[in-house]
Amino acid sequence: MGVIDLQNCDSIIEFENCDTKVYMMMYCSKSMNQTNESFQRLDKAWELIRLGKVRFGENPLRATVEGTKDYSINIAAQTCTCEDHIFRDMKCKHIWAAELQRQVLTGQIQVKN
């Protein structure tokens, strides 16, 4: 990501009709959708924290988040056993919740009541 190949476009005018524009429009649309979904996941993550659903064991980079079942999170690897993460390959609410709770516990984030 980050580099867009303009070799299929010979000029700015051609850019309007080339594959690169289509790719850029699709990529921007996908990025906006992912951003909107991330905000929703963050809200849900804070709710999981508020409800006390995030638990850490001996390893501070691994957590269990209680949902419809218990999900295992590896913060360092950014993985979760939930279907949302597995199928969408995006940061799910469980990973967000584990990361945020860890930051609260280590004093990186202060939560006001």
PDB file of N, CA and C in Angstrom:
ATOM      1  N   MET A   1       0.839  -1.177   0.000  1.00  0.00           N
ATOM      2  CA  MET A   1       0.000   0.000   0.000  1.00  0.00           C
ATOM      3  C   MET A   1       0.885   1.241   0.000  1.00  0.00           C
ATOM      4  N   GLY A   2       0.260   2.361  -0.256  1.00  0.00           N
ATOM      5  CA  GLY A   2       0.975   3.615  -0.196  1.00  0.00           C
ATOM      6  C   GLY A   2       1.499   4.080  -1.535  1.00  0.00           C
ATOM      7  N   VAL A   3       1.811   3.178  -2.464  1.00  0.00           N
ATOM      8  CA  VAL A   3       2.320   3.560  -3.777  1.00  0.00           C
ATOM      9  C   VAL A   3       1.265   3.216  -4.808  1.00  0.00           C
ATOM     10  N   ILE A   4       0.920   4.197  -5.614  1.00  0.00           N
ATOM     11  CA  ILE A   4      -0.082   3.981  -6.657  1.00  0.00           C
ATOM     12  C   ILE A   4       0.623   4.018  -7.997  1.00  0.00           C
ATOM     13  N   ASP A   5       0.438   2.996  -8.778  1.00  0.00           N
ATOM     14  CA  ASP A   5       1.078   2.880 -10.076  1.00  0.00           C
ATOM     15  C   ASP A   5       0.263   3.637 -11.117  1.00  0.00           C
ATOM     16  N   LEU A   6       0.852   4.688 -11.645  1.00  0.00           N
ATOM     17  CA  LEU A   6       0.174   5.482 -12.665  1.00  0.00           C
ATOM     18  C   LEU A   6       0.616   5.120 -14.073  1.00  0.00           C
ATOM     19  N   GLN A   7       1.318   4.002 -14.246  1.00  0.00           N
ATOM     20  CA  GLN A   7       1.845   3.674 -15.561  1.00  0.00           C
ATOM     21  C   GLN A   7       0.770   3.416 -16.603  1.00  0.00           C
ATOM     22  N   ASN A   8      -0.436   3.089 -16.189  1.00  0.00           N
ATOM     23  CA  ASN A   8      -1.513   2.870 -17.147  1.00  0.00           C
ATOM     24  C   ASN A   8      -2.132   4.177 -17.627  1.00  0.00           C
ATOM     25  N   CYS A   9      -1.710   5.310 -17.068  1.00  0.00           N
ATOM     26  CA  CYS A   9      -2.257   6.614 -17.430  1.00  0.00           C
ATOM     27  C   CYS A   9      -1.168   7.456 -18.076  1.00  0.00           C
ATOM     28  N   ASP A  10      -1.404   7.914 -19.300  1.00  0.00           N
ATOM     29  CA  ASP A  10      -0.406   8.709 -20.008  1.00  0.00           C
ATOM     30  C   ASP A  10      -0.506  10.199 -19.698  1.00  0.00           C
ATOM     31  N   SER A  11      -1.627  10.660 -19.174  1.00  0.00           N
ATOM     32  CA  SER A  11      -1.784  12.078 -18.864  1.00  0.00           C
ATOM     33  C   SER A  11      -2.857  12.238 -17.796  1.00  0.00           C
ATOM     34  N   ILE A  12      -2.964  13.450 -17.278  1.00  0.00           N
ATOM     35  CA  ILE A  12      -3.989  13.737 -16.274  1.00  0.00           C
ATOM     36  C   ILE A  12      -5.381  13.499 -16.860  1.00  0.00           C
ATOM     37  N   ILE A  13      -5.562  13.857 -18.125  1.00  0.00           N
ATOM     38  CA  ILE A  13      -6.861  13.661 -18.762  1.00  0.00           C
ATOM     39  C   ILE A  13      -7.187  12.175 -18.833  1.00  0.00           C
ATOM     40  N   GLU A  14      -6.207  11.369 -19.202  1.00  0.00           N
ATOM     41  CA  GLU A  14      -6.438   9.923 -19.247  1.00  0.00           C
ATOM     42  C   GLU A  14      -6.694   9.346 -17.867  1.00  0.00           C
ATOM     43  N   PHE A  15      -6.129   9.997 -16.839  1.00  0.00           N
ATOM     44  CA  PHE A  15      -6.314   9.517 -15.470  1.00  0.00           C
ATOM     45  C   PHE A  15      -7.803   9.374 -15.142  1.00  0.00           C
ATOM     46  N   GLU A  16      -8.609  10.287 -15.667  1.00  0.00           N
ATOM     47  CA  GLU A  16     -10.050  10.248 -15.412  1.00  0.00           C
ATOM     48  C   GLU A  16     -10.682   8.946 -15.887  1.00  0.00           C
ATOM     49  N   ASN A  17     -10.072   8.282 -16.860  1.00  0.00           N
ATOM     50  CA  ASN A  17     -10.665   7.079 -17.445  1.00  0.00           C
ATOM     51  C   ASN A  17      -9.856   5.810 -17.195  1.00  0.00           C
ATOM     52  N   CYS A  18      -8.846   5.881 -16.378  1.00  0.00           N
ATOM     53  CA  CYS A  18      -7.969   4.706 -16.235  1.00  0.00           C
ATOM     54  C   CYS A  18      -8.292   3.879 -15.000  1.00  0.00           C
ATOM     55  N   ASP A  19      -7.682   2.710 -14.932  1.00  0.00           N
ATOM     56  CA  ASP A  19      -7.898   1.772 -13.832  1.00  0.00           C
ATOM     57  C   ASP A  19      -7.439   2.327 -12.490  1.00  0.00           C
ATOM     58  N   THR A  20      -6.409   3.185 -12.500  1.00  0.00           N
ATOM     59  CA  THR A  20      -5.883   3.721 -11.254  1.00  0.00           C
ATOM     60  C   THR A  20      -6.940   4.547 -10.532  1.00  0.00           C
ATOM     61  N   LYS A  21      -7.708   5.344 -11.282  1.00  0.00           N
ATOM     62  CA  LYS A  21      -8.763   6.137 -10.652  1.00  0.00           C
ATOM     63  C   LYS A  21      -9.796   5.219 -10.015  1.00  0.00           C
ATOM     64  N   VAL A  22     -10.164   4.176 -10.714  1.00  0.00           N
ATOM     65  CA  VAL A  22     -11.138   3.229 -10.171  1.00  0.00           C
ATOM     66  C   VAL A  22     -10.600   2.624  -8.882  1.00  0.00           C
ATOM     67  N   TYR A  23      -9.322   2.218  -8.886  1.00  0.00           N
ATOM     68  CA  TYR A  23      -8.696   1.644  -7.697  1.00  0.00           C
ATOM     69  C   TYR A  23      -8.703   2.648  -6.547  1.00  0.00           C
ATOM     70  N   MET A  24      -8.318   3.903  -6.863  1.00  0.00           N
ATOM     71  CA  MET A  24      -8.247   4.920  -5.819  1.00  0.00           C
ATOM     72  C   MET A  24      -9.622   5.185  -5.212  1.00  0.00           C
ATOM     73  N   MET A  25     -10.640   5.246  -6.040  1.00  0.00           N
ATOM     74  CA  MET A  25     -11.998   5.487  -5.548  1.00  0.00           C
ATOM     75  C   MET A  25     -12.454   4.321  -4.677  1.00  0.00           C
ATOM     76  N   MET A  26     -12.174   3.093  -5.115  1.00  0.00           N
ATOM     77  CA  MET A  26     -12.567   1.921  -4.336  1.00  0.00           C
ATOM     78  C   MET A  26     -11.804   1.891  -3.019  1.00  0.00           C
ATOM     79  N   TYR A  27     -10.494   2.209  -3.058  1.00  0.00           N
ATOM     80  CA  TYR A  27      -9.662   2.186  -1.865  1.00  0.00           C
ATOM     81  C   TYR A  27     -10.134   3.239  -0.862  1.00  0.00           C
ATOM     82  N   CYS A  28     -10.422   4.447  -1.344  1.00  0.00           N
ATOM     83  CA  CYS A  28     -10.894   5.517  -0.460  1.00  0.00           C
ATOM     84  C   CYS A  28     -12.223   5.141   0.175  1.00  0.00           C
ATOM     85  N   SER A  29     -13.109   4.578  -0.607  1.00  0.00           N
ATOM     86  CA  SER A  29     -14.408   4.159  -0.093  1.00  0.00           C
ATOM     87  C   SER A  29     -14.233   3.080   0.977  1.00  0.00           C
ATOM     88  N   LYS A  30     -13.353   2.110   0.707  1.00  0.00           N
ATOM     89  CA  LYS A  30     -13.092   1.039   1.673  1.00  0.00           C
ATOM     90  C   LYS A  30     -12.483   1.612   2.946  1.00  0.00           C
ATOM     91  N   SER A  31     -11.547   2.555   2.802  1.00  0.00           N
ATOM     92  CA  SER A  31     -10.905   3.162   3.969  1.00  0.00           C
ATOM     93  C   SER A  31     -11.912   3.906   4.828  1.00  0.00           C
ATOM     94  N   MET A  32     -12.834   4.638   4.201  1.00  0.00           N
ATOM     95  CA  MET A  32     -13.856   5.364   4.950  1.00  0.00           C
ATOM     96  C   MET A  32     -14.766   4.395   5.697  1.00  0.00           C
ATOM     97  N   ASN A  33     -15.152   3.308   5.041  1.00  0.00           N
ATOM     98  CA  ASN A  33     -15.993   2.307   5.707  1.00  0.00           C
ATOM     99  C   ASN A  33     -15.276   1.705   6.905  1.00  0.00           C
ATOM    100  N   GLN A  34     -13.979   1.392   6.734  1.00  0.00           N
ATOM    101  CA  GLN A  34     -13.214   0.815   7.831  1.00  0.00           C
ATOM    102  C   GLN A  34     -13.074   1.807   8.975  1.00  0.00           C
ATOM    103  N   THR A  35     -12.912   3.098   8.654  1.00  0.00           N
ATOM    104  CA  THR A  35     -12.807   4.117   9.691  1.00  0.00           C
ATOM    105  C   THR A  35     -14.110   4.200  10.472  1.00  0.00           C
ATOM    106  N   ASN A  36     -15.232   4.222   9.770  1.00  0.00           N
ATOM    107  CA  ASN A  36     -16.531   4.261  10.444  1.00  0.00           C
ATOM    108  C   ASN A  36     -16.734   3.027  11.313  1.00  0.00           C
ATOM    109  N   GLU A  37     -16.344   1.860  10.799  1.00  0.00           N
ATOM    110  CA  GLU A  37     -16.478   0.629  11.578  1.00  0.00           C
ATOM    111  C   GLU A  37     -15.557   0.652  12.791  1.00  0.00           C
ATOM    112  N   SER A  38     -14.376   1.263  12.668  1.00  0.00           N
ATOM    113  CA  SER A  38     -13.452   1.345  13.798  1.00  0.00           C
ATOM    114  C   SER A  38     -14.039   2.182  14.921  1.00  0.00           C
ATOM    115  N   PHE A  39     -14.711   3.287  14.577  1.00  0.00           N
ATOM    116  CA  PHE A  39     -15.348   4.102  15.611  1.00  0.00           C
ATOM    117  C   PHE A  39     -16.418   3.295  16.343  1.00  0.00           C
ATOM    118  N   GLN A  40     -17.194   2.518  15.610  1.00  0.00           N
ATOM    119  CA  GLN A  40     -18.219   1.689  16.237  1.00  0.00           C
ATOM    120  C   GLN A  40     -17.579   0.650  17.144  1.00  0.00           C
ATOM    121  N   ARG A  41     -16.482   0.065  16.686  1.00  0.00           N
ATOM    122  CA  ARG A  41     -15.789  -0.947  17.492  1.00  0.00           C
ATOM    123  C   ARG A  41     -15.198  -0.318  18.756  1.00  0.00           C
ATOM    124  N   LEU A  42     -14.690   0.901  18.652  1.00  0.00           N
ATOM    125  CA  LEU A  42     -14.155   1.586  19.832  1.00  0.00           C
ATOM    126  C   LEU A  42     -15.244   1.831  20.870  1.00  0.00           C
ATOM    127  N   ASP A  43     -16.392   2.265  20.433  1.00  0.00           N
ATOM    128  CA  ASP A  43     -17.510   2.463  21.373  1.00  0.00           C
ATOM    129  C   ASP A  43     -17.865   1.165  22.070  1.00  0.00           C
ATOM    130  N   LYS A  44     -17.928   0.095  21.321  1.00  0.00           N
ATOM    131  CA  LYS A  44     -18.265  -1.211  21.897  1.00  0.00           C
ATOM    132  C   LYS A  44     -17.158  -1.699  22.825  1.00  0.00           C
ATOM    133  N   ALA A  45     -15.914  -1.378  22.485  1.00  0.00           N
ATOM    134  CA  ALA A  45     -14.781  -1.776  23.328  1.00  0.00           C
ATOM    135  C   ALA A  45     -14.859  -1.102  24.692  1.00  0.00           C
ATOM    136  N   TRP A  46     -15.142   0.203  24.714  1.00  0.00           N
ATOM    137  CA  TRP A  46     -15.273   0.911  25.989  1.00  0.00           C
ATOM    138  C   TRP A  46     -16.413   0.328  26.815  1.00  0.00           C
ATOM    139  N   GLU A  47     -17.478  -0.095  26.152  1.00  0.00           N
ATOM    140  CA  GLU A  47     -18.599  -0.716  26.869  1.00  0.00           C
ATOM    141  C   GLU A  47     -18.164  -2.046  27.497  1.00  0.00           C
ATOM    142  N   LEU A  48     -17.371  -2.833  26.769  1.00  0.00           N
ATOM    143  CA  LEU A  48     -16.849  -4.089  27.328  1.00  0.00           C
ATOM    144  C   LEU A  48     -15.991  -3.823  28.562  1.00  0.00           C
ATOM    145  N   ILE A  49     -15.192  -2.774  28.498  1.00  0.00           N
ATOM    146  CA  ILE A  49     -14.343  -2.409  29.640  1.00  0.00           C
ATOM    147  C   ILE A  49     -15.218  -1.970  30.815  1.00  0.00           C
ATOM    148  N   ARG A  50     -16.195  -1.119  30.535  1.00  0.00           N
ATOM    149  CA  ARG A  50     -17.093  -0.622  31.583  1.00  0.00           C
ATOM    150  C   ARG A  50     -17.819  -1.760  32.294  1.00  0.00           C
ATOM    151  N   LEU A  51     -18.161  -2.791  31.528  1.00  0.00           N
ATOM    152  CA  LEU A  51     -18.869  -3.942  32.093  1.00  0.00           C
ATOM    153  C   LEU A  51     -17.935  -4.963  32.741  1.00  0.00           C
ATOM    154  N   GLY A  52     -16.635  -4.715  32.733  1.00  0.00           N
ATOM    155  CA  GLY A  52     -15.670  -5.618  33.354  1.00  0.00           C
ATOM    156  C   GLY A  52     -15.470  -6.924  32.599  1.00  0.00           C
ATOM    157  N   LYS A  53     -15.577  -6.886  31.284  1.00  0.00           N
ATOM    158  CA  LYS A  53     -15.500  -8.099  30.458  1.00  0.00           C
ATOM    159  C   LYS A  53     -14.077  -8.456  30.021  1.00  0.00           C
ATOM    160  N   VAL A  54     -13.099  -7.594  30.330  1.00  0.00           N
ATOM    161  CA  VAL A  54     -11.715  -7.827  29.886  1.00  0.00           C
ATOM    162  C   VAL A  54     -10.899  -8.356  31.062  1.00  0.00           C
ATOM    163  N   ARG A  55     -10.261  -9.510  30.857  1.00  0.00           N
ATOM    164  CA  ARG A  55      -9.441 -10.126  31.909  1.00  0.00           C
ATOM    165  C   ARG A  55      -8.040 -10.423  31.367  1.00  0.00           C
ATOM    166  N   PHE A  56      -7.042 -10.155  32.198  1.00  0.00           N
ATOM    167  CA  PHE A  56      -5.657 -10.480  31.859  1.00  0.00           C
ATOM    168  C   PHE A  56      -5.161 -11.582  32.779  1.00  0.00           C
ATOM    169  N   GLY A  57      -4.302 -12.442  32.231  1.00  0.00           N
ATOM    170  CA  GLY A  57      -3.662 -13.469  33.041  1.00  0.00           C
ATOM    171  C   GLY A  57      -2.269 -13.008  33.413  1.00  0.00           C
ATOM    172  N   GLU A  58      -1.339 -13.941  33.428  1.00  0.00           N
ATOM    173  CA  GLU A  58       0.046 -13.603  33.774  1.00  0.00           C
ATOM    174  C   GLU A  58       0.735 -12.794  32.686  1.00  0.00           C
ATOM    175  N   ASN A  59       0.387 -13.041  31.432  1.00  0.00           N
ATOM    176  CA  ASN A  59       0.995 -12.324  30.318  1.00  0.00           C
ATOM    177  C   ASN A  59       0.193 -11.049  30.042  1.00  0.00           C
ATOM    178  N   PRO A  60       0.821  -9.875  30.200  1.00  0.00           N
ATOM    179  CA  PRO A  60       0.084  -8.620  30.018  1.00  0.00           C
ATOM    180  C   PRO A  60      -0.281  -8.316  28.561  1.00  0.00           C
ATOM    181  N   LEU A  61       0.196  -9.123  27.636  1.00  0.00           N
ATOM    182  CA  LEU A  61      -0.131  -8.922  26.223  1.00  0.00           C
ATOM    183  C   LEU A  61      -1.189  -9.896  25.722  1.00  0.00           C
ATOM    184  N   ARG A  62      -1.715 -10.703  26.645  1.00  0.00           N
ATOM    185  CA  ARG A  62      -2.782 -11.644  26.280  1.00  0.00           C
ATOM    186  C   ARG A  62      -3.958 -11.417  27.220  1.00  0.00           C
ATOM    187  N   ALA A  63      -5.132 -11.425  26.629  1.00  0.00           N
ATOM    188  CA  ALA A  63      -6.338 -11.176  27.427  1.00  0.00           C
ATOM    189  C   ALA A  63      -7.452 -12.105  26.974  1.00  0.00           C
ATOM    190  N   THR A  64      -8.444 -12.211  27.814  1.00  0.00           N
ATOM    191  CA  THR A  64      -9.680 -12.893  27.472  1.00  0.00           C
ATOM    192  C   THR A  64     -10.777 -11.860  27.596  1.00  0.00           C
ATOM    193  N   VAL A  65     -11.593 -11.773  26.565  1.00  0.00           N
ATOM    194  CA  VAL A  65     -12.715 -10.839  26.586  1.00  0.00           C
ATOM    195  C   VAL A  65     -13.993 -11.651  26.494  1.00  0.00           C
ATOM    196  N   GLU A  66     -14.858 -11.399  27.467  1.00  0.00           N
ATOM    197  CA  GLU A  66     -16.129 -12.122  27.521  1.00  0.00           C
ATOM    198  C   GLU A  66     -17.114 -11.463  26.568  1.00  0.00           C
ATOM    199  N   GLY A  67     -17.656 -12.276  25.680  1.00  0.00           N
ATOM    200  CA  GLY A  67     -18.696 -11.814  24.754  1.00  0.00           C
ATOM    201  C   GLY A  67     -19.773 -12.863  24.712  1.00  0.00           C
ATOM    202  N   THR A  68     -20.220 -13.220  23.522  1.00  0.00           N
ATOM    203  CA  THR A  68     -21.159 -14.331  23.421  1.00  0.00           C
ATOM    204  C   THR A  68     -20.474 -15.617  23.857  1.00  0.00           C
ATOM    205  N   LYS A  69     -19.152 -15.606  23.798  1.00  0.00           N
ATOM    206  CA  LYS A  69     -18.300 -16.635  24.407  1.00  0.00           C
ATOM    207  C   LYS A  69     -17.000 -15.942  24.767  1.00  0.00           C
ATOM    208  N   ASP A  70     -16.074 -16.634  25.365  1.00  0.00           N
ATOM    209  CA  ASP A  70     -14.792 -16.025  25.711  1.00  0.00           C
ATOM    210  C   ASP A  70     -13.878 -16.014  24.489  1.00  0.00           C
ATOM    211  N   TYR A  71     -13.318 -14.841  24.207  1.00  0.00           N
ATOM    212  CA  TYR A  71     -12.410 -14.695  23.066  1.00  0.00           C
ATOM    213  C   TYR A  71     -10.995 -14.451  23.571  1.00  0.00           C
ATOM    214  N   SER A  72     -10.027 -15.112  22.934  1.00  0.00           N
ATOM    215  CA  SER A  72      -8.619 -14.963  23.296  1.00  0.00           C
ATOM    216  C   SER A  72      -7.985 -13.906  22.410  1.00  0.00           C
ATOM    217  N   ILE A  73      -7.326 -12.940  23.069  1.00  0.00           N
ATOM    218  CA  ILE A  73      -6.698 -11.837  22.353  1.00  0.00           C
ATOM    219  C   ILE A  73      -5.207 -11.850  22.611  1.00  0.00           C
ATOM    220  N   ASN A  74      -4.430 -11.675  21.547  1.00  0.00           N
ATOM    221  CA  ASN A  74      -2.996 -11.467  21.646  1.00  0.00           C
ATOM    222  C   ASN A  74      -2.756 -10.040  21.165  1.00  0.00           C
ATOM    223  N   ILE A  75      -2.476  -9.146  22.099  1.00  0.00           N
ATOM    224  CA  ILE A  75      -2.316  -7.730  21.752  1.00  0.00           C
ATOM    225  C   ILE A  75      -1.114  -7.525  20.847  1.00  0.00           C
ATOM    226  N   ALA A  76      -0.005  -8.193  21.133  1.00  0.00           N
ATOM    227  CA  ALA A  76       1.204  -8.009  20.331  1.00  0.00           C
ATOM    228  C   ALA A  76       1.003  -8.456  18.883  1.00  0.00           C
ATOM    229  N   ALA A  77       0.317  -9.567  18.696  1.00  0.00           N
ATOM    230  CA  ALA A  77       0.089 -10.094  17.346  1.00  0.00           C
ATOM    231  C   ALA A  77      -1.170  -9.511  16.701  1.00  0.00           C
ATOM    232  N   GLN A  78      -1.949  -8.754  17.497  1.00  0.00           N
ATOM    233  CA  GLN A  78      -3.202  -8.161  17.005  1.00  0.00           C
ATOM    234  C   GLN A  78      -4.154  -9.233  16.470  1.00  0.00           C
ATOM    235  N   THR A  79      -4.331 -10.300  17.274  1.00  0.00           N
ATOM    236  CA  THR A  79      -5.223 -11.380  16.871  1.00  0.00           C
ATOM    237  C   THR A  79      -6.316 -11.596  17.915  1.00  0.00           C
ATOM    238  N   CYS A  80      -7.440 -12.105  17.430  1.00  0.00           N
ATOM    239  CA  CYS A  80      -8.568 -12.449  18.278  1.00  0.00           C
ATOM    240  C   CYS A  80      -9.238 -13.671  17.670  1.00  0.00           C
ATOM    241  N   THR A  81      -9.868 -14.466  18.508  1.00  0.00           N
ATOM    242  CA  THR A  81     -10.515 -15.684  18.026  1.00  0.00           C
ATOM    243  C   THR A  81     -11.961 -15.458  17.578  1.00  0.00           C
ATOM    244  N   CYS A  82     -12.426 -14.203  17.581  1.00  0.00           N
ATOM    245  CA  CYS A  82     -13.811 -13.940  17.169  1.00  0.00           C
ATOM    246  C   CYS A  82     -13.955 -13.987  15.648  1.00  0.00           C
ATOM    247  N   GLU A  83     -15.174 -14.215  15.215  1.00  0.00           N
ATOM    248  CA  GLU A  83     -15.464 -14.323  13.784  1.00  0.00           C
ATOM    249  C   GLU A  83     -15.226 -13.002  13.060  1.00  0.00           C
ATOM    250  N   ASP A  84     -15.536 -11.887  13.711  1.00  0.00           N
ATOM    251  CA  ASP A  84     -15.355 -10.579  13.091  1.00  0.00           C
ATOM    252  C   ASP A  84     -13.907 -10.384  12.672  1.00  0.00           C
ATOM    253  N   HIS A  85     -12.996 -10.669  13.577  1.00  0.00           N
ATOM    254  CA  HIS A  85     -11.571 -10.500  13.266  1.00  0.00           C
ATOM    255  C   HIS A  85     -11.107 -11.515  12.222  1.00  0.00           C
ATOM    256  N   ILE A  86     -11.517 -12.745  12.381  1.00  0.00           N
ATOM    257  CA  ILE A  86     -11.057 -13.801  11.473  1.00  0.00           C
ATOM    258  C   ILE A  86     -11.528 -13.558  10.045  1.00  0.00           C
ATOM    259  N   PHE A  87     -12.788 -13.230   9.862  1.00  0.00           N
ATOM    260  CA  PHE A  87     -13.330 -13.100   8.515  1.00  0.00           C
ATOM    261  C   PHE A  87     -13.085 -11.733   7.880  1.00  0.00           C
ATOM    262  N   ARG A  88     -13.079 -10.666   8.679  1.00  0.00           N
ATOM    263  CA  ARG A  88     -12.877  -9.330   8.111  1.00  0.00           C
ATOM    264  C   ARG A  88     -11.422  -8.921   8.118  1.00  0.00           C
ATOM    265  N   ASP A  89     -10.607  -9.598   8.916  1.00  0.00           N
ATOM    266  CA  ASP A  89      -9.192  -9.258   9.054  1.00  0.00           C
ATOM    267  C   ASP A  89      -9.014  -7.794   9.447  1.00  0.00           C
ATOM    268  N   MET A  90      -9.839  -7.361  10.391  1.00  0.00           N
ATOM    269  CA  MET A  90      -9.769  -6.007  10.929  1.00  0.00           C
ATOM    270  C   MET A  90      -9.664  -6.088  12.449  1.00  0.00           C
ATOM    271  N   LYS A  91      -9.236  -5.001  13.036  1.00  0.00           N
ATOM    272  CA  LYS A  91      -9.151  -4.924  14.486  1.00  0.00           C
ATOM    273  C   LYS A  91     -10.564  -4.905  15.059  1.00  0.00           C
ATOM    274  N   CYS A  92     -10.905  -5.927  15.802  1.00  0.00           N
ATOM    275  CA  CYS A  92     -12.261  -6.079  16.347  1.00  0.00           C
ATOM    276  C   CYS A  92     -12.384  -5.348  17.687  1.00  0.00           C
ATOM    277  N   LYS A  93     -13.612  -5.305  18.196  1.00  0.00           N
ATOM    278  CA  LYS A  93     -13.872  -4.639  19.472  1.00  0.00           C
ATOM    279  C   LYS A  93     -13.133  -5.312  20.622  1.00  0.00           C
ATOM    280  N   HIS A  94     -12.879  -6.611  20.512  1.00  0.00           N
ATOM    281  CA  HIS A  94     -12.190  -7.338  21.586  1.00  0.00           C
ATOM    282  C   HIS A  94     -10.721  -6.923  21.669  1.00  0.00           C
ATOM    283  N   ILE A  95     -10.066  -6.780  20.508  1.00  0.00           N
ATOM    284  CA  ILE A  95      -8.668  -6.322  20.500  1.00  0.00           C
ATOM    285  C   ILE A  95      -8.600  -4.891  21.031  1.00  0.00           C
ATOM    286  N   TRP A  96      -9.523  -4.025  20.547  1.00  0.00           N
ATOM    287  CA  TRP A  96      -9.562  -2.652  21.045  1.00  0.00           C
ATOM    288  C   TRP A  96      -9.739  -2.641  22.563  1.00  0.00           C
ATOM    289  N   ALA A  97     -10.668  -3.451  23.058  1.00  0.00           N
ATOM    290  CA  ALA A  97     -10.945  -3.473  24.496  1.00  0.00           C
ATOM    291  C   ALA A  97      -9.718  -3.917  25.285  1.00  0.00           C
ATOM    292  N   ALA A  98      -9.039  -4.964  24.817  1.00  0.00           N
ATOM    293  CA  ALA A  98      -7.845  -5.453  25.519  1.00  0.00           C
ATOM    294  C   ALA A  98      -6.746  -4.392  25.508  1.00  0.00           C
ATOM    295  N   GLU A  99      -6.525  -3.768  24.366  1.00  0.00           N
ATOM    296  CA  GLU A  99      -5.494  -2.723  24.277  1.00  0.00           C
ATOM    297  C   GLU A  99      -5.811  -1.548  25.200  1.00  0.00           C
ATOM    298  N   LEU A 100      -7.038  -1.079  25.139  1.00  0.00           N
ATOM    299  CA  LEU A 100      -7.419   0.071  25.956  1.00  0.00           C
ATOM    300  C   LEU A 100      -7.361  -0.254  27.445  1.00  0.00           C
ATOM    301  N   GLN A 101      -7.842  -1.430  27.832  1.00  0.00           N
ATOM    302  CA  GLN A 101      -7.804  -1.831  29.245  1.00  0.00           C
ATOM    303  C   GLN A 101      -6.369  -1.928  29.730  1.00  0.00           C
ATOM    304  N   ARG A 102      -5.493  -2.463  28.897  1.00  0.00           N
ATOM    305  CA  ARG A 102      -4.081  -2.548  29.275  1.00  0.00           C
ATOM    306  C   ARG A 102      -3.499  -1.154  29.481  1.00  0.00           C
ATOM    307  N   GLN A 103      -3.856  -0.223  28.604  1.00  0.00           N
ATOM    308  CA  GLN A 103      -3.363   1.152  28.743  1.00  0.00           C
ATOM    309  C   GLN A 103      -3.916   1.827  29.994  1.00  0.00           C
ATOM    310  N   VAL A 104      -5.143   1.495  30.356  1.00  0.00           N
ATOM    311  CA  VAL A 104      -5.721   2.018  31.596  1.00  0.00           C
ATOM    312  C   VAL A 104      -4.953   1.442  32.791  1.00  0.00           C
ATOM    313  N   LEU A 105      -4.715   0.137  32.775  1.00  0.00           N
ATOM    314  CA  LEU A 105      -4.036  -0.523  33.891  1.00  0.00           C
ATOM    315  C   LEU A 105      -2.597  -0.056  34.069  1.00  0.00           C
ATOM    316  N   THR A 106      -1.933   0.302  32.965  1.00  0.00           N
ATOM    317  CA  THR A 106      -0.538   0.756  33.048  1.00  0.00           C
ATOM    318  C   THR A 106      -0.426   2.263  33.215  1.00  0.00           C
ATOM    319  N   GLY A 107      -1.570   2.959  33.298  1.00  0.00           N
ATOM    320  CA  GLY A 107      -1.551   4.397  33.518  1.00  0.00           C
ATOM    321  C   GLY A 107      -1.342   5.232  32.267  1.00  0.00           C
ATOM    322  N   GLN A 108      -1.337   4.613  31.098  1.00  0.00           N
ATOM    323  CA  GLN A 108      -1.163   5.365  29.855  1.00  0.00           C
ATOM    324  C   GLN A 108      -2.413   6.160  29.508  1.00  0.00           C
ATOM    325  N   ILE A 109      -3.568   5.657  29.949  1.00  0.00           N
ATOM    326  CA  ILE A 109      -4.847   6.337  29.758  1.00  0.00           C
ATOM    327  C   ILE A 109      -5.498   6.497  31.114  1.00  0.00           C
ATOM    328  N   GLN A 110      -6.024   7.662  31.392  1.00  0.00           N
ATOM    329  CA  GLN A 110      -6.767   7.886  32.631  1.00  0.00           C
ATOM    330  C   GLN A 110      -8.237   8.029  32.284  1.00  0.00           C
ATOM    331  N   VAL A 111      -9.068   7.272  32.971  1.00  0.00           N
ATOM    332  CA  VAL A 111     -10.507   7.300  32.722  1.00  0.00           C
ATOM    333  C   VAL A 111     -11.168   8.082  33.837  1.00  0.00           C
ATOM    334  N   LYS A 112     -11.941   9.088  33.440  1.00  0.00           N
ATOM    335  CA  LYS A 112     -12.688   9.873  34.424  1.00  0.00           C
ATOM    336  C   LYS A 112     -14.063   9.256  34.617  1.00  0.00           C
ATOM    337  N   ASN A 113     -14.488   9.194  35.854  1.00  0.00           N
ATOM    338  CA  ASN A 113     -15.813   8.634  36.151  1.00  0.00           C
ATOM    339  C   ASN A 113     -16.907   9.644  35.970  1.00  0.00           C
TER     340      ASN A 113
END
